[in-house]
Amino acid sequence: MIIIQNLTFVQDKKILKKVKSMRQVYKMIVLDLDGTLTNSKKVITPKTKEALIQAQKKGVRIVLASGRPTYGIKNLAEELCLNQHHGYILAFNGGKIIDCSNNETLFEQTLSPELVPTLYNSAMKGGMQILTYQGKGIAATSTEDKYVKEEAFINKLPITLYSNFLEQIVYPINKCLIVGDPTPLHEVEIQLAKTLEGKMSVYRSADYFLECVPLNVDKAQSLAKLLKLTGIKREEIIACGDGYNDLSMICFAGLGVAMANANEDIRIQANYVTLASNEKDGVAEVVEKFLL
């Protein structure tokens, strides 16, 4: 160890990176929602809410970054008063960026209509269901499937049955979600990744959710676009997440935070791992430690 100005440094690059990150002044915190900001009931606990409100009063910008559709995020943005503190929404895993202060769309990528039949056919062949988002609701090939219902519960959105899915969709759309049991869904993921290579991106945000989004849409790339508009540097942001679709922004941020409830292969790539899970105010821990 080396003692410099009363600070203890460990001669290990990963640990040294963590120590340096702790000394940085952060201007923005980027938060995944499910498994990170919200608990199993899909709500923000009072302690976490209060910590984030206090951080905003100090000038910290909040970004809500999720695979959810816009209308599945807006209620949480309103609860945290993002409109008053110039916060942002990154919906559809970064496929759409919204400035909450004026509800302006700053960036958007949409899914090519020519590729949707491939997604639909793969889902049907594999015994899965497929859904997308229309207006303020979910359009799905089933209203009774447990995974479709889970998506509706997460977003607090109604489900409409599209029995003729390909003919009923109104374009443009930002993404499709294929849902099903983890093992067969993984097979669909492998097949689609090969078939659609170079045309669109497919990856899982949960064991039973397969995200189907425009090519190169991910949270880190959208954050890079947002930072250019705000003038904030990547070293000045904290990104918190628990899932594989959060990994790009965890690695991109100046301080990448994995929740205690994240898988081990995500935790080992983070600069900091919370002591508490999303059920026990893990985000509040980060805010209090690095922002307040």
Foldseek 3Di string as FASTA:
>chain_A
DDADPNDDADPDVLLNLLVVLLPDAAQEEEEEQPFTQADPQSDHDPLLLVLLLVLLVVRHEYEYAYLAAPLLCVVVCVSSVNLVRFHWYQYNQNQWIAGSVVRDIPHHDFADLVCVVVVVVLLVVLVWKKWFDDDQAIEICDPPDPVVVVSCSNSVHYYDYDVVVSVPDDDGTFWMKIFDAQPSVVVSQVVCCVVCPPAWDWDDQDSGIIITGGHPRHNLVSVVVVCVVVVDDQLNYEYEDAGPSRQNSQLRHNFREYEPNHDPVSHVNGSYYFPHISVPNSSSVVSVSRRD
